[in-house]
Structures are given as structure tokens and as C-alpha cells.
Amino acid sequence: MEDFSSPLISLLTAAGLAGLIGLEREMRVQNEEPDGSNLGGLRTYSMMGALGFLASFMSIKFEISWFLPLIFIGSFMFLFISHTLVAIFQRQFGITSQLSLIASFLVGILIAFDLLYLAIAVSVLFTGLLVLKIGLHSIAKKINREELLAILKFFIFSAIILPLLPAHWIDPFEFFDWRPQTIWLMVILVASIRFVGYFLSKFFSSEKSILFSGIVGGFVSSTALTMGISQQSEGKRRVILFLIPILLASALMFFRVILEVSLTTGRERDLLLTIVPILGTAGLAFVIVALGLLIKRAHDIKGKSDIKTSIEIDQPLQMKSAISFGIFFLVIFLLSDKIAEFFSDSGLLFAGAVAGLTDVDAITLAMANLQKSGEISTNLASQVILLAVMVNTLVKAGIVFLFGSKKLFQAVLLSVIGIITLGAGLYFLL
């Protein structure tokens, strides 16, 4: 006897996933928020999903290859006629509902061909796009032409240029393996992390939130944020308002280094396991202190503020900045490789300290790559990275000393010394 349970479950699944899309359409109509033409709600979309499954099932079961295309074309023609009539008589030209119905039909087809996860993804994607209509329109309004071009550049850099670059290229003098693909991958990696911070700052105003200002600064440039906040602190009495974003940005710099090492080394976890206890604890300590100060501030002044924690953030994927970082990373990579080859470990530590004066990303990625390829030991790579992070953290204290108030410098220096002491203690204990 034939088992009908499996086709029945698949039919109900197709109707349910397609009905999820229809549920949003139904709710929009009930809330009197028409979006283009009204072609039905929960029942209509569920039927369309079931129809897609049945057409596919019968084509497979009875080996009628033309049946599925026939039903699909018929359904599409129905939608085309409905859209034309609505456009003529109701002057509504939106095609969102029509496309959603086609997606519901395709969900049924995917279920029939046992592509359950893809069907779920399609259902969730279309429902999400429908629900987030206002939010997506708001995003489009906030993105300018330059930022749209930056997004396009990012996909060109990552999806087109990266695969075309050779993984290894040794120059005719056999001086160095320049590894073009690795160099460009590191550029994309850092740009991606900073891209997140940049676009978050577009949609959440850092001027209204000290907490968010520190988060954005940590993603984009904790050094730039420290500079901006320090300059605003001159002559102010309440240093707590300036200290919070600096601490948060510094904490996220630690976590950013951990993320970069994790993405670079992949399944090779020795280096990651070495730095995580130290940088993770130090980062958490900064976060705890910052949140404690934020709570204290909320109780003391009840939401009043005498600071605008805005920072100027450059669009992170300009061609000039991408090439500049690529050259910087290449120089660090080259120096690190040659120092490791011709000099002692102290020379590599010196390179880490120098790199930490400006940016920890390049030296972090260079050490992670060298450790992964076995050119330097895990212990040496971790020492160089930690030294670069420590130097970069001290540089922030120096920036506050030069450009900020004395009270802010004292608070930052006390925090930095405490965190470095904690990190050093953990390093020697571990």
C-alpha cells in the first residue's frame, strides 16, 4: 500500500511557508496599509504554494514534463491580467504582491523537489522584505550616491578582483612571495569590519548616545574617536562623559583583533587560544568599567549631558584608503617575514611595537598569516600582537595627554595602566 503521509506533509509545508508571506499581506490590508494591488491574503498565498507543489508533484509522479510549465505560465498570466486591470482602473502600479505570489508558487516547487531549507529561506526572505518596507525605504534615503558606489566597489573587490588574483607570486629576483590574494583578502577583511561601524553610524545617531559612540569608534577607528573626544574635553569638568566612549572603543579594538585572528587562522586555533584569555579579559574589563560609569552617570545627572559625542567617520572603502592599507599591510608583512628570517625574535617584536603606533590591524593579520603558514611560532606571534595592542593603547593615553583635559588624562591613564597590568599578569600566569 502506498504511503501518502510524505506527500501530504510536503503539501501542508508548502501551503504553510507560502501562507507566511500571505499573512503579511493580510495584516497590511487589515491595517489599512494598501501596498499596490490587493491580490489576496493568507488563503490566496497558501493556495498558490499548494498549487506549485501539486503541479510539480504531478509532473514528477506521472512523468508529464509539460504540466508544471503549463501551470506556471497560466498562473503568471493570471497575475499579469490582474495587475493590468488594477493598473488601468485603480491607478495602482505596484508589483510587490504579484512578485510575492510568484515566490509562493516557487516555494511549492522547491518543496516538491526536496529543497526544504531553500524554500524556508525564500519564504523568510520575502516575508522579511515585506515587513521591513518602511525600514528599507528609510535606509535608501540615508544612503547617498557615494556610499552606494562604495557598496558596489566592495562587491567588485571581494567577488570579482579577489578570485582573479594569484595565491602566490614570487618576483623574478626570488626575493619574496608577495601573495597577492592574501594581501587583498586582508584589505577586504578590515574594510568589512570598518564598513559595519560606518553604516551603523548612519542609522543610529552617535550624537545622542555615548554608548553607541564608543561602539562605532571601536569598529571604525578607536584612535580617531579618542582624538575627537579628547579635543572636546578641554575645559570640561565632568570627564566621565568623555571617558565612557574611549573605554568602549578601546574594548572593541581588543575584540576586533580577536575576530581578525579567528578569521585569518581558520581551524588553526593555537594563536587564537593564546590571545583570547588576555585580550578578552582586558576587553571585558574595559566594558564593565564603561558600563559602570554609564550607570553612575544616569543616576547622577538623570539623562542630562553637556557633550555631543559625534565623530567624523570617513567612508571606509575609498580606493585610496584601500590601496593605502594594502601597501601598509604588505610592508608590515614583508618586514615581518624578513626580520623573522634574518634577525632574532627581538627584531620582530620591535616591528610590532612600531606598527602599534598607528594601526594594529596590519600587524595582527601579518602575524596570524605567518603563524598559520608555520613561518613563526605561536608564542612569538602572540607576543608581537599583544605588544602592538599595548603600544596602541598607550598611544591613546598619549593622545588624551596632548589634546584632552588633565582630569580625562588621569582617568584614561589609570584605566590603561590597570588593564595593561591585568593583561600582563594573565600572560605570565598562562
Protein backbone atom coordinates (compact mmCIF):
# COMPACT_ATOMS: atom_id res chain seq x y z
CA MET A 1 0.00 0.00 0.00
CA GLU A 2 1.36 3.40 -0.97
CA ASP A 3 2.37 5.76 1.84
CA PHE A 4 0.56 9.07 1.38
CA SER A 5 1.89 10.70 4.55
CA SER A 6 5.04 12.16 2.98
CA PRO A 7 3.30 13.96 0.06
CA LEU A 8 0.63 15.22 2.46
CA ILE A 9 3.21 16.67 4.85
CA SER A 10 5.03 18.28 1.93
CA LEU A 11 1.75 19.78 0.66
CA LEU A 12 0.97 21.27 4.06
CA THR A 13 4.53 22.55 4.38
CA ALA A 14 4.31 24.30 1.01
CA ALA A 15 0.97 25.86 1.95
CA GLY A 16 2.34 26.96 5.33
CA LEU A 17 5.51 28.57 4.02
CA ALA A 18 3.65 30.35 1.25
CA GLY A 19 0.97 31.34 3.78
CA LEU A 20 3.63 33.07 5.87
CA ILE A 21 4.12 35.51 3.00
CA GLY A 22 0.35 35.86 2.64
CA LEU A 23 -0.01 36.56 6.35
CA GLU A 24 1.94 39.78 5.98
CA ARG A 25 -0.24 40.79 3.01
CA GLU A 26 -3.36 40.01 5.03
CA MET A 27 -2.17 42.05 8.01
CA ARG A 28 -1.28 45.01 5.79
CA VAL A 29 -4.76 45.07 4.27
CA GLN A 30 -6.44 44.71 7.67
CA ASN A 31 -4.38 47.59 9.00
CA GLU A 32 -5.50 49.65 6.00
CA GLU A 33 -1.99 49.96 4.60
CA PRO A 34 -2.51 49.09 0.93
CA ASP A 35 0.68 48.29 -0.94
CA GLY A 36 -0.02 48.27 -4.64
CA SER A 37 -2.84 45.97 -5.68
CA ASN A 38 -4.66 43.68 -3.29
CA LEU A 39 -4.42 40.21 -4.77
CA GLY A 40 -5.43 38.31 -1.67
CA GLY A 41 -4.12 37.36 1.71
CA LEU A 42 -3.33 34.27 3.73
CA ARG A 43 -5.65 31.90 1.86
CA THR A 44 -4.63 33.02 -1.63
CA TYR A 45 -0.91 32.70 -0.94
CA SER A 46 -1.32 29.32 0.75
CA MET A 47 -3.26 28.09 -2.28
CA MET A 48 -0.54 29.35 -4.59
CA GLY A 49 2.10 27.44 -2.62
CA ALA A 50 -0.03 24.30 -2.64
CA LEU A 51 -0.64 24.72 -6.38
CA GLY A 52 3.11 24.96 -7.03
CA PHE A 53 3.70 21.77 -5.07
CA LEU A 54 0.87 19.87 -6.75
CA ALA A 55 1.94 20.90 -10.24
CA SER A 56 5.50 19.76 -9.55
CA PHE A 57 4.38 16.56 -7.82
CA MET A 58 2.12 15.54 -10.68
CA SER A 59 4.80 16.32 -13.26
CA ILE A 60 7.22 14.04 -11.43
CA LYS A 61 4.73 11.36 -10.44
CA PHE A 62 3.08 10.92 -13.83
CA GLU A 63 6.13 11.95 -15.87
CA ILE A 64 4.30 14.82 -17.57
CA SER A 65 7.15 17.22 -18.26
CA TRP A 66 4.92 19.92 -19.75
CA PHE A 67 2.43 20.08 -16.86
CA LEU A 68 4.50 22.20 -14.47
CA PRO A 69 5.47 24.84 -17.09
CA LEU A 70 1.83 24.97 -18.21
CA ILE A 71 0.51 25.64 -14.70
CA PHE A 72 3.26 28.16 -14.03
CA ILE A 73 2.59 30.09 -17.26
CA GLY A 74 -1.14 30.00 -16.54
CA SER A 75 -0.63 31.35 -13.04
CA PHE A 76 1.73 34.03 -14.33
CA MET A 77 -0.78 35.09 -16.99
CA PHE A 78 -3.47 35.36 -14.30
CA LEU A 79 -1.21 37.67 -12.30
CA PHE A 80 -0.38 39.70 -15.41
CA ILE A 81 -4.06 40.22 -16.26
CA SER A 82 -4.89 41.13 -12.64
CA HIS A 83 -2.06 43.62 -12.48
CA THR A 84 -3.08 45.19 -15.80
CA LEU A 85 -6.70 45.61 -14.69
CA VAL A 86 -5.71 47.13 -11.36
CA ALA A 87 -3.27 49.48 -13.07
CA ILE A 88 -5.96 50.64 -15.54
CA PHE A 89 -8.94 51.03 -13.23
CA GLN A 90 -7.37 51.74 -9.83
CA ARG A 91 -4.22 53.55 -10.99
CA GLN A 92 -2.01 51.38 -8.75
CA PHE A 93 1.22 50.24 -10.32
CA GLY A 94 2.99 48.35 -7.55
CA ILE A 95 4.02 44.76 -8.31
CA THR A 96 5.04 43.70 -4.79
CA SER A 97 2.03 41.44 -4.30
CA GLN A 98 2.42 39.88 -7.74
CA LEU A 99 6.06 39.03 -7.15
CA SER A 100 5.16 37.63 -3.73
CA LEU A 101 2.57 35.32 -5.29
CA ILE A 102 5.13 34.07 -7.81
CA ALA A 103 7.53 33.42 -4.90
CA SER A 104 4.76 31.45 -3.14
CA PHE A 105 4.35 29.28 -6.24
CA LEU A 106 8.11 28.71 -6.37
CA VAL A 107 8.13 27.71 -2.69
CA GLY A 108 5.76 24.88 -3.59
CA ILE A 109 8.07 23.77 -6.40
CA LEU A 110 11.09 23.76 -4.08
CA ILE A 111 9.24 21.61 -1.55
CA ALA A 112 8.32 19.12 -4.28
CA PHE A 113 11.99 18.78 -5.20
CA ASP A 114 13.00 18.25 -1.53
CA LEU A 115 14.73 21.63 -1.25
CA LEU A 116 13.18 22.37 2.13
CA TYR A 117 15.83 24.73 3.50
CA LEU A 118 15.87 26.80 0.33
CA ALA A 119 12.07 27.01 0.44
CA ILE A 120 12.22 28.21 4.05
CA ALA A 121 14.86 30.78 3.09
CA VAL A 122 12.70 32.11 0.23
CA SER A 123 9.65 32.35 2.49
CA VAL A 124 11.52 34.14 5.26
CA LEU A 125 13.31 36.44 2.82
CA PHE A 126 10.16 37.61 1.05
CA THR A 127 8.23 37.98 4.30
CA GLY A 128 11.09 39.97 5.80
CA LEU A 129 11.32 42.26 2.78
CA LEU A 130 7.59 42.92 3.01
CA VAL A 131 7.58 43.54 6.76
CA LEU A 132 10.62 45.81 6.64
CA LYS A 133 9.20 48.06 3.93
CA ILE A 134 9.41 51.27 5.98
CA GLY A 135 12.83 50.46 7.37
CA LEU A 136 14.27 49.61 3.95
CA HIS A 137 12.90 52.81 2.47
CA SER A 138 14.47 54.72 5.36
CA ILE A 139 17.82 53.07 4.67
CA ALA A 140 17.60 54.04 0.99
CA LYS A 141 17.00 57.67 1.96
CA LYS A 142 20.05 57.73 4.26
CA ILE A 143 22.49 56.25 1.74
CA ASN A 144 23.94 58.74 -0.70
CA ARG A 145 25.42 58.14 -4.13
CA GLU A 146 28.99 57.88 -2.83
CA GLU A 147 28.01 55.21 -0.30
CA LEU A 148 26.10 53.24 -2.92
CA LEU A 149 29.20 53.28 -5.10
CA ALA A 150 31.20 52.13 -2.07
CA ILE A 151 28.91 49.11 -1.67
CA LEU A 152 29.33 48.36 -5.37
CA LYS A 153 33.11 48.65 -5.02
CA PHE A 154 33.05 46.25 -2.08
CA PHE A 155 31.34 43.55 -4.14
CA ILE A 156 33.71 44.19 -7.05
CA PHE A 157 36.74 43.94 -4.73
CA SER A 158 35.55 40.78 -3.00
CA ALA A 159 33.63 38.86 -5.68
CA ILE A 160 35.49 39.82 -8.87
CA ILE A 161 39.03 41.03 -8.15
CA LEU A 162 39.86 38.63 -5.29
CA PRO A 163 39.30 35.35 -7.23
CA LEU A 164 41.37 36.68 -10.15
CA LEU A 165 44.49 37.33 -8.06
CA PRO A 166 47.09 34.55 -7.80
CA ALA A 167 47.53 32.95 -4.41
CA HIS A 168 51.34 33.08 -4.75
CA TRP A 169 53.65 35.20 -6.86
CA ILE A 170 57.43 35.17 -6.44
CA ASP A 171 59.21 38.06 -8.14
CA PRO A 172 61.95 37.36 -10.75
CA PHE A 173 64.63 38.07 -8.12
CA GLU A 174 63.07 35.44 -5.82
CA PHE A 175 63.13 37.98 -3.03
CA PHE A 176 59.68 37.46 -1.59
CA ASP A 177 56.41 35.61 -2.10
CA TRP A 178 54.10 38.61 -2.47
CA ARG A 179 50.87 36.57 -2.04
CA PRO A 180 48.54 38.99 -3.89
CA GLN A 181 45.37 37.13 -2.94
CA THR A 182 46.26 37.13 0.76
CA ILE A 183 47.12 40.84 0.71
CA TRP A 184 43.84 41.74 -0.98
CA LEU A 185 41.86 39.44 1.31
CA MET A 186 43.23 41.31 4.32
CA VAL A 187 42.19 44.62 2.76
CA ILE A 188 38.64 43.31 2.31
CA LEU A 189 38.59 41.87 5.84
CA VAL A 190 39.50 45.15 7.52
CA ALA A 191 37.21 47.13 5.20
CA SER A 192 34.33 44.80 6.10
CA ILE A 193 34.76 45.32 9.83
CA ARG A 194 35.02 49.08 9.42
CA PHE A 195 32.13 49.04 6.95
CA VAL A 196 29.87 47.69 9.68
CA GLY A 197 30.75 50.52 12.03
CA TYR A 198 30.37 53.15 9.34
CA PHE A 199 26.89 52.12 8.28
CA LEU A 200 25.76 51.62 11.89
CA SER A 201 26.72 55.25 12.47
CA LYS A 202 24.49 56.23 9.54
CA PHE A 203 21.36 54.77 11.09
CA PHE A 204 21.96 55.33 14.81
CA SER A 205 22.96 58.84 15.78
CA SER A 206 26.14 58.79 17.85
CA GLU A 207 25.39 62.37 18.90
CA LYS A 208 22.56 61.10 21.09
CA SER A 209 24.29 58.11 22.59
CA ILE A 210 27.64 57.95 24.36
CA LEU A 211 27.39 54.17 24.45
CA PHE A 212 26.86 53.88 20.71
CA SER A 213 29.58 56.43 20.01
CA GLY A 214 32.11 54.13 21.66
CA ILE A 215 30.82 51.10 19.76
CA VAL A 216 31.07 52.87 16.41
CA GLY A 217 34.55 54.12 17.27
CA GLY A 218 35.68 50.61 18.16
CA PHE A 219 34.54 49.25 14.82
CA VAL A 220 35.89 52.09 12.71
CA SER A 221 38.85 53.66 14.49
CA SER A 222 39.29 53.81 18.25
CA THR A 223 42.25 56.15 17.74
CA ALA A 224 40.14 58.60 15.70
CA LEU A 225 37.41 58.54 18.33
CA THR A 226 39.93 59.15 21.11
CA MET A 227 41.26 62.15 19.21
CA GLY A 228 37.79 63.61 18.66
CA ILE A 229 36.60 63.04 22.22
CA SER A 230 39.83 64.39 23.74
CA GLN A 231 39.56 67.66 21.83
CA GLN A 232 36.00 68.13 23.14
CA SER A 233 37.03 67.52 26.76
CA GLU A 234 39.21 70.63 27.05
CA GLY A 235 37.78 72.89 29.76
CA LYS A 236 35.02 70.45 30.81
CA ARG A 237 34.64 69.36 34.40
CA ARG A 238 32.79 66.04 34.02
CA VAL A 239 35.34 63.70 32.47
CA ILE A 240 33.06 60.69 32.90
CA LEU A 241 31.15 61.72 29.77
CA PHE A 242 34.34 61.58 27.72
CA LEU A 243 35.85 58.53 29.37
CA ILE A 244 32.97 56.16 28.54
CA PRO A 245 33.26 56.18 24.71
CA ILE A 246 37.07 55.97 24.88
CA LEU A 247 36.90 52.88 27.09
CA LEU A 248 34.27 51.22 24.90
CA ALA A 249 36.17 51.95 21.69
CA SER A 250 39.36 50.52 23.21
CA ALA A 251 37.48 47.40 24.34
CA LEU A 252 36.10 46.78 20.87
CA MET A 253 39.58 47.20 19.44
CA PHE A 254 40.61 44.16 21.54
CA PHE A 255 37.65 42.15 20.28
CA ARG A 256 38.34 43.28 16.70
CA VAL A 257 41.86 41.84 16.96
CA ILE A 258 40.40 38.54 18.22
CA LEU A 259 37.97 38.48 15.30
CA GLU A 260 40.72 39.17 12.76
CA VAL A 261 42.90 36.36 14.14
CA SER A 262 39.95 33.97 14.13
CA LEU A 263 39.02 34.75 10.52
CA THR A 264 42.63 34.55 9.33
CA THR A 265 43.75 31.36 11.05
CA GLY A 266 40.56 29.39 10.36
CA ARG A 267 40.69 25.98 12.01
CA GLU A 268 44.19 26.62 13.34
CA ARG A 269 43.26 27.69 16.87
CA ASP A 270 46.58 27.77 18.72
CA LEU A 271 47.17 31.51 18.27
CA LEU A 272 43.54 32.33 18.97
CA LEU A 273 43.52 30.33 22.20
CA THR A 274 46.68 32.14 23.30
CA ILE A 275 45.40 35.70 22.87
CA VAL A 276 41.72 35.27 23.73
CA PRO A 277 42.12 34.92 27.53
CA ILE A 278 44.27 38.06 27.68
CA LEU A 279 42.55 40.35 25.18
CA GLY A 280 39.10 39.02 26.03
CA THR A 281 39.56 39.66 29.75
CA ALA A 282 41.05 43.10 29.13
CA GLY A 283 38.22 44.00 26.76
CA LEU A 284 35.57 42.81 29.22
CA ALA A 285 37.24 44.83 31.98
CA PHE A 286 37.03 47.97 29.85
CA VAL A 287 33.37 47.23 29.06
CA ILE A 288 32.48 46.65 32.72
CA VAL A 289 34.15 49.88 33.80
CA ALA A 290 32.44 51.81 30.97
CA LEU A 291 29.01 50.39 31.77
CA GLY A 292 29.54 51.11 35.46
CA LEU A 293 30.35 54.72 34.65
CA LEU A 294 27.34 54.90 32.33
CA ILE A 295 25.02 53.69 35.11
CA LYS A 296 26.59 56.16 37.54
CA ARG A 297 26.11 58.98 35.05
CA ALA A 298 22.44 58.05 34.55
CA HIS A 299 21.83 58.21 38.31
CA ASP A 300 23.83 61.41 38.84
CA ILE A 301 22.53 63.64 36.07
CA LYS A 302 19.34 61.78 35.06
CA GLY A 303 20.00 61.86 31.34
CA LYS A 304 21.34 65.40 31.08
CA SER A 305 24.51 65.84 29.07
CA ASP A 306 26.95 68.59 28.21
CA ILE A 307 28.73 66.72 25.43
CA LYS A 308 27.98 65.79 21.88
CA THR A 309 29.92 62.62 21.23
CA SER A 310 29.91 62.92 17.48
CA ILE A 311 32.86 61.77 15.44
CA GLU A 312 33.65 62.36 11.82
CA ILE A 313 33.98 58.99 10.09
CA ASP A 314 35.30 58.73 6.58
CA GLN A 315 33.67 56.29 4.20
CA PRO A 316 35.91 53.21 4.75
CA LEU A 317 36.06 51.82 1.21
CA GLN A 318 37.54 54.60 -0.82
CA MET A 319 40.02 53.32 -3.36
CA LYS A 320 42.77 55.47 -1.89
CA SER A 321 42.27 54.14 1.65
CA ALA A 322 42.01 50.54 0.40
CA ILE A 323 45.26 50.77 -1.54
CA SER A 324 46.96 52.61 1.33
CA PHE A 325 46.07 49.88 3.81
CA GLY A 326 47.09 47.20 1.31
CA ILE A 327 50.52 48.81 0.91
CA PHE A 328 50.84 49.25 4.67
CA PHE A 329 49.94 45.61 5.28
CA LEU A 330 52.35 44.49 2.55
CA VAL A 331 55.19 46.49 4.13
CA ILE A 332 54.43 45.05 7.57
CA PHE A 333 54.15 41.55 6.08
CA LEU A 334 57.43 41.97 4.19
CA LEU A 335 59.31 43.39 7.19
CA SER A 336 57.92 40.73 9.49
CA ASP A 337 58.90 37.95 7.12
CA LYS A 338 62.43 39.25 6.53
CA ILE A 339 63.02 40.14 10.18
CA ALA A 340 61.90 36.65 11.17
CA GLU A 341 64.25 35.21 8.51
CA PHE A 342 67.41 37.25 9.17
CA PHE A 343 67.09 38.58 12.70
CA SER A 344 66.19 37.40 16.17
CA ASP A 345 62.77 37.47 17.75
CA SER A 346 63.52 40.88 19.27
CA GLY A 347 63.55 42.41 15.78
CA LEU A 348 60.05 41.12 15.11
CA LEU A 349 58.89 42.46 18.47
CA PHE A 350 60.32 45.84 17.50
CA ALA A 351 58.32 45.73 14.26
CA GLY A 352 55.19 45.01 16.30
CA ALA A 353 55.81 47.95 18.58
CA VAL A 354 56.36 50.31 15.63
CA ALA A 355 53.23 49.06 13.84
CA GLY A 356 51.19 49.53 17.02
CA LEU A 357 51.92 53.26 16.94
CA THR A 358 49.49 53.68 14.05
CA ASP A 359 47.27 50.64 13.50
CA VAL A 360 47.01 47.15 15.00
CA ASP A 361 45.10 45.57 12.12
CA ALA A 362 48.02 45.17 9.72
CA ILE A 363 50.45 43.65 12.22
CA THR A 364 47.70 41.38 13.60
CA LEU A 365 46.86 40.00 10.18
CA ALA A 366 50.54 39.65 9.24
CA MET A 367 51.36 37.67 12.39
CA ALA A 368 48.29 35.48 12.01
CA ASN A 369 49.26 34.63 8.42
CA LEU A 370 52.89 33.92 9.31
CA GLN A 371 51.85 31.73 12.25
CA LYS A 372 49.33 29.85 10.15
CA SER A 373 51.95 29.08 7.49
CA GLY A 374 54.40 27.91 10.17
CA GLU A 375 56.98 30.63 9.49
CA ILE A 376 56.92 31.84 13.11
CA SER A 377 55.88 30.18 16.34
CA THR A 378 52.53 30.70 18.04
CA ASN A 379 54.26 32.16 21.09
CA LEU A 380 56.16 34.77 19.05
CA ALA A 381 53.09 35.73 17.01
CA SER A 382 51.05 36.24 20.18
CA GLN A 383 53.82 38.34 21.75
CA VAL A 384 54.01 40.64 18.71
CA ILE A 385 50.24 41.08 18.55
CA LEU A 386 49.91 41.75 22.27
CA LEU A 387 52.79 44.22 22.17
CA ALA A 388 51.20 46.09 19.25
CA VAL A 389 47.88 46.26 21.12
CA MET A 390 49.62 47.50 24.27
CA VAL A 391 51.53 50.19 22.37
CA ASN A 392 48.37 51.28 20.56
CA THR A 393 46.53 51.54 23.88
CA LEU A 394 49.33 53.68 25.33
CA VAL A 395 49.19 55.87 22.22
CA LYS A 396 45.55 56.63 23.05
CA ALA A 397 46.63 57.78 26.52
CA GLY A 398 49.24 59.98 24.85
CA ILE A 399 46.60 61.50 22.58
CA VAL A 400 44.46 62.36 25.61
CA PHE A 401 47.51 63.91 27.29
CA LEU A 402 48.21 66.13 24.27
CA PHE A 403 44.68 67.11 23.28
CA GLY A 404 42.41 66.47 26.28
CA SER A 405 41.87 67.76 29.78
CA LYS A 406 44.16 66.79 32.64
CA LYS A 407 41.35 65.06 34.52
CA LEU A 408 40.49 62.97 31.49
CA PHE A 409 44.14 62.03 31.00
CA GLN A 410 44.41 60.93 34.62
CA ALA A 411 41.27 58.80 34.30
CA VAL A 412 42.38 57.24 30.99
CA LEU A 413 45.92 56.61 32.25
CA LEU A 414 44.61 54.94 35.41
CA SER A 415 42.32 52.71 33.32
CA VAL A 416 45.06 51.88 30.81
CA ILE A 417 47.61 51.02 33.48
CA GLY A 418 45.08 48.82 35.25
CA ILE A 419 44.15 46.95 32.07
CA ILE A 420 47.76 46.51 30.91
CA THR A 421 48.72 45.24 34.35
CA LEU A 422 45.82 42.80 34.24
CA GLY A 423 46.80 41.63 30.75
CA ALA A 424 50.47 41.25 31.68
CA GLY A 425 49.56 39.29 34.77
CA LEU A 426 47.36 36.94 32.76
CA TYR A 427 50.11 36.48 30.14
CA PHE A 428 52.71 35.41 32.68
CA LEU A 429 50.22 33.25 34.57
CA LEU A 430 49.14 31.49 31.39
